Amino acid sequence: MNLTLFDQFSPPSILGVSLLLLATLFPALLLPSPNNRWISNRLSTLQSWFLLLITKQMMIPLNKNSHKWAAILTSLMVFLLLINLLGLLPYTFTPTTQLSMNMALAFPLWFATLLTGLRNQPSISLGHLLPEGTPTLLIPALIVIETISLLIRPLALGVRLTANLTAGHLLIQLISTATATLLPIMPAVSVLTAIILFLLTILEVAVAMIQAYVFVLLLSLYLQENT
């Protein structure tokens, strides 16, 4: 059976049953559950500190009316972070390389921020479609352009996350294949490519964390516009 570079992005299945849902929910098993030693447990304390740090970073620019979104945005951040990092392990599948899943996360949340703005401050939300002081002749064109830029936001969120993770996984596979192929032929070159692979892996760990943060940060900025 001949495998291609993109076969690693095919959702795993057993006996025809897709395991995409299992791969998506698995990171939740890594989070410790509350018990009678919740405070004294070092892992739980570290987790609480990390969640508090993330929540503070996202909620500082937002007003008090937006703080009710803290649980949703923080949970989404942890969810994406765990999935992206676990996907870098060998023989694992990364659900966030699927555009359909990323769009399923981006579109409802973006639409919720849009509805929040239209419900609470409709005039201000609609005012974003037409900048103040626009010449009369440019009003129709600017309304169309601003509407398109507004509607393309969820697509940009999903495509950005998918493209960055897919590109990183492809580079890692290409360089690792080259390292294994060159080892019996040119050991010195193989060692050099192995070093490049190690550095690229560190870079991809950073990219996995940054992309999760950027995804949630942009959602919080969209929320800030509408509250």
Protein backbone atom coordinates (compact mmCIF):
# COMPACT_ATOMS: atom_id res chain seq x y z
CA MET A 1 0.00 0.00 0.00
CA ASN A 2 1.53 3.31 -1.13
CA LEU A 3 1.12 6.19 1.29
CA THR A 4 1.26 9.86 0.36
CA LEU A 5 2.32 12.85 2.41
CA PHE A 6 -1.30 13.80 3.06
CA ASP A 7 -2.38 10.40 4.36
CA GLN A 8 -1.34 11.52 7.85
CA PHE A 9 -4.22 14.01 7.79
CA SER A 10 -6.87 11.35 7.12
CA PRO A 11 -9.04 10.76 10.20
CA PRO A 12 -8.22 7.37 11.82
CA SER A 13 -10.84 4.64 11.76
CA ILE A 14 -11.32 1.08 12.99
CA LEU A 15 -13.61 -1.26 11.04
CA GLY A 16 -14.96 1.72 9.16
CA VAL A 17 -15.83 3.65 12.35
CA SER A 18 -14.19 7.09 12.50
CA LEU A 19 -12.12 7.83 15.59
CA LEU A 20 -12.14 11.58 15.06
CA LEU A 21 -14.47 12.17 18.00
CA LEU A 22 -12.26 10.05 20.26
CA ALA A 23 -9.16 11.94 19.15
CA THR A 24 -10.95 15.22 19.83
CA LEU A 25 -12.14 14.31 23.32
CA PHE A 26 -8.96 12.54 24.46
CA PRO A 27 -7.16 15.71 25.71
CA ALA A 28 -9.90 16.16 28.32
CA LEU A 29 -8.70 12.94 29.99
CA LEU A 30 -5.33 14.58 30.70
CA LEU A 31 -6.85 17.26 32.92
CA PRO A 32 -6.98 16.32 36.62
CA SER A 33 -10.44 16.18 38.15
CA PRO A 34 -11.30 17.87 41.47
CA ASN A 35 -10.91 15.83 44.64
CA ASN A 36 -10.32 16.36 48.34
CA ARG A 37 -6.65 17.15 47.64
CA TRP A 38 -7.38 19.74 44.96
CA ILE A 39 -5.36 22.54 46.59
CA SER A 40 -2.40 20.48 47.77
CA ASN A 41 -1.88 18.71 44.44
CA ARG A 42 1.02 20.35 42.58
CA LEU A 43 -0.31 19.48 39.14
CA SER A 44 -3.71 20.94 39.98
CA THR A 45 -2.12 24.05 41.41
CA LEU A 46 -0.02 24.50 38.27
CA GLN A 47 -3.08 23.98 36.11
CA SER A 48 -5.06 26.56 38.09
CA TRP A 49 -2.23 29.08 37.79
CA PHE A 50 -2.00 28.51 34.03
CA LEU A 51 -5.75 28.89 33.54
CA LEU A 52 -5.76 32.07 35.63
CA LEU A 53 -2.88 33.48 33.55
CA ILE A 54 -4.70 32.73 30.28
CA THR A 55 -7.96 34.19 31.55
CA LYS A 56 -6.27 37.40 32.71
CA GLN A 57 -4.50 37.90 29.39
CA MET A 58 -7.74 37.54 27.43
CA MET A 59 -10.07 39.45 29.76
CA ILE A 60 -7.92 42.54 30.40
CA PRO A 61 -8.85 44.30 27.11
CA LEU A 62 -12.56 43.41 27.48
CA ASN A 63 -15.18 45.26 29.49
CA LYS A 64 -17.16 43.68 32.32
CA ASN A 65 -20.04 42.68 30.06
CA SER A 66 -17.67 40.42 28.11
CA HIS A 67 -16.32 38.62 31.17
CA LYS A 68 -19.16 36.12 30.99
CA TRP A 69 -17.29 34.68 27.98
CA ALA A 70 -14.25 33.86 30.14
CA ALA A 71 -15.16 30.20 30.65
CA ILE A 72 -15.82 29.63 26.92
CA LEU A 73 -12.64 31.34 25.71
CA THR A 74 -10.42 29.73 28.36
CA SER A 75 -11.82 26.26 27.67
CA LEU A 76 -11.32 26.76 23.94
CA MET A 77 -7.74 27.89 24.51
CA VAL A 78 -6.88 24.82 26.61
CA PHE A 79 -8.70 22.54 24.17
CA LEU A 80 -6.79 23.82 21.12
CA LEU A 81 -3.49 23.91 23.00
CA LEU A 82 -3.71 20.28 24.10
CA ILE A 83 -4.85 19.02 20.69
CA ASN A 84 -2.11 20.92 18.85
CA LEU A 85 0.65 19.73 21.19
CA LEU A 86 -0.52 16.10 21.31
CA GLY A 87 -0.62 16.08 17.52
CA LEU A 88 3.17 16.52 17.45
CA LEU A 89 3.72 13.15 19.10
CA PRO A 90 4.62 10.23 16.79
CA TYR A 91 1.76 8.10 15.46
CA THR A 92 -0.91 10.56 16.58
CA PHE A 93 -3.63 12.40 14.72
CA THR A 94 -4.23 16.15 14.93
CA PRO A 95 -7.94 17.00 14.59
CA THR A 96 -7.15 20.71 14.12
CA THR A 97 -5.56 19.94 10.73
CA GLN A 98 -9.12 19.36 9.49
CA LEU A 99 -10.65 22.53 8.06
CA SER A 100 -14.15 21.24 8.76
CA MET A 101 -13.45 21.01 12.49
CA ASN A 102 -11.81 24.43 12.68
CA MET A 103 -14.70 26.02 10.82
CA ALA A 104 -17.11 24.25 13.18
CA LEU A 105 -15.33 26.02 16.04
CA ALA A 106 -14.82 29.40 14.35
CA PHE A 107 -18.18 30.07 12.71
CA PRO A 108 -20.57 29.57 15.69
CA LEU A 109 -18.36 31.59 18.05
CA TRP A 110 -17.88 34.41 15.54
CA PHE A 111 -21.61 34.43 14.83
CA ALA A 112 -22.34 34.57 18.56
CA THR A 113 -20.13 37.66 18.94
CA LEU A 114 -21.89 39.25 15.97
CA LEU A 115 -25.35 38.56 17.40
CA THR A 116 -24.21 39.92 20.76
CA GLY A 117 -23.27 43.21 19.14
CA LEU A 118 -26.46 43.44 17.08
CA ARG A 119 -28.56 42.80 20.18
CA ASN A 120 -26.80 45.09 22.65
CA GLN A 121 -25.60 47.94 20.42
CA PRO A 122 -27.01 47.59 16.89
CA SER A 123 -26.16 51.11 15.74
CA ILE A 124 -22.49 50.81 16.74
CA SER A 125 -22.15 47.32 15.25
CA LEU A 126 -23.65 48.40 11.95
CA GLY A 127 -21.57 51.58 12.08
CA HIS A 128 -18.42 49.48 11.60
CA LEU A 129 -19.59 48.86 8.03
CA LEU A 130 -19.20 52.54 7.16
CA PRO A 131 -16.21 54.50 8.54
CA GLU A 132 -16.94 58.05 9.64
CA GLY A 133 -16.20 60.77 7.09
CA THR A 134 -16.51 58.52 4.04
CA PRO A 135 -17.16 60.43 0.76
CA THR A 136 -20.67 59.94 -0.58
CA LEU A 137 -19.52 58.31 -3.82
CA LEU A 138 -17.55 55.65 -1.92
CA ILE A 139 -20.33 54.68 0.51
CA PRO A 140 -21.81 51.78 -1.54
CA ALA A 141 -18.41 50.30 -2.35
CA LEU A 142 -17.16 50.59 1.23
CA ILE A 143 -20.29 48.95 2.64
CA VAL A 144 -19.78 45.99 0.30
CA ILE A 145 -16.06 45.74 1.14
CA GLU A 146 -16.63 45.96 4.90
CA THR A 147 -19.43 43.39 4.72
CA ILE A 148 -17.18 40.95 2.84
CA SER A 149 -14.34 41.51 5.33
CA LEU A 150 -16.79 40.86 8.17
CA LEU A 151 -18.15 37.64 6.66
CA ILE A 152 -14.69 36.31 5.84
CA ARG A 153 -13.51 36.44 9.46
CA PRO A 154 -14.55 32.89 10.45
CA LEU A 155 -13.02 31.52 7.24
CA ALA A 156 -9.76 33.30 8.03
CA LEU A 157 -9.77 31.85 11.56
CA GLY A 158 -10.25 28.29 10.34
CA VAL A 159 -7.88 28.48 7.38
CA ARG A 160 -5.09 30.12 9.43
CA LEU A 161 -5.13 27.37 12.04
CA THR A 162 -5.40 24.58 9.47
CA ALA A 163 -2.69 25.92 7.15
CA ASN A 164 -0.10 26.55 9.86
CA LEU A 165 -0.48 23.14 11.48
CA THR A 166 -0.64 21.29 8.13
CA ALA A 167 2.49 23.02 6.83
CA GLY A 168 4.40 22.20 10.00
CA HIS A 169 3.43 18.53 9.93
CA LEU A 170 4.39 18.24 6.26
CA LEU A 171 7.81 19.80 6.89
CA ILE A 172 8.48 17.47 9.81
CA GLN A 173 7.53 14.43 7.72
CA LEU A 174 9.64 15.52 4.74
CA ILE A 175 12.75 16.21 6.83
CA SER A 176 12.36 13.03 8.91
CA THR A 177 12.01 10.98 5.73
CA ALA A 178 15.12 12.62 4.30
CA THR A 179 17.02 11.90 7.53
CA ALA A 180 16.15 8.20 7.47
CA THR A 181 16.91 7.90 3.75
CA LEU A 182 20.29 9.64 3.93
CA LEU A 183 21.51 7.76 7.03
CA PRO A 184 23.03 4.72 5.20
CA ILE A 185 24.22 6.81 2.22
CA MET A 186 25.59 10.05 3.72
CA PRO A 187 25.70 9.85 7.51
CA ALA A 188 27.13 13.36 7.91
CA VAL A 189 24.31 14.93 5.91
CA SER A 190 21.81 12.78 7.80
CA VAL A 191 23.09 14.13 11.13
CA LEU A 192 22.74 17.68 9.80
CA THR A 193 19.15 17.07 8.72
CA ALA A 194 18.45 15.46 12.11
CA ILE A 195 19.61 18.67 13.81
CA ILE A 196 17.36 20.67 11.50
CA LEU A 197 14.50 18.32 12.35
CA PHE A 198 15.08 18.84 16.07
CA LEU A 199 15.05 22.63 15.67
CA LEU A 200 11.96 22.44 13.47
CA THR A 201 10.18 20.35 16.10
CA ILE A 202 10.89 23.01 18.73
CA LEU A 203 9.57 25.62 16.32
CA GLU A 204 6.41 23.59 15.72
CA VAL A 205 5.79 23.33 19.47
CA ALA A 206 5.92 27.12 19.60
CA VAL A 207 3.66 27.39 16.53
CA ALA A 208 1.13 24.99 18.10
CA MET A 209 0.89 27.17 21.21
CA ILE A 210 0.88 30.46 19.31
CA GLN A 211 -1.85 29.37 16.89
CA ALA A 212 -4.11 28.28 19.74
CA TYR A 213 -3.56 31.65 21.41
CA VAL A 214 -4.10 33.63 18.18
CA PHE A 215 -7.35 31.78 17.44
CA VAL A 216 -8.82 32.67 20.83
CA LEU A 217 -7.29 36.16 20.86
CA LEU A 218 -8.96 37.08 17.56
CA LEU A 219 -12.28 35.82 18.87
CA SER A 220 -11.85 38.00 21.95
CA LEU A 221 -11.09 41.00 19.71
CA TYR A 222 -14.25 40.33 17.71
CA LEU A 223 -16.11 40.19 21.00
CA GLN A 224 -14.54 43.48 22.10
CA GLU A 225 -15.85 45.17 18.95
CA ASN A 226 -19.40 44.07 19.70
CA THR A 227 -19.66 44.78 23.42
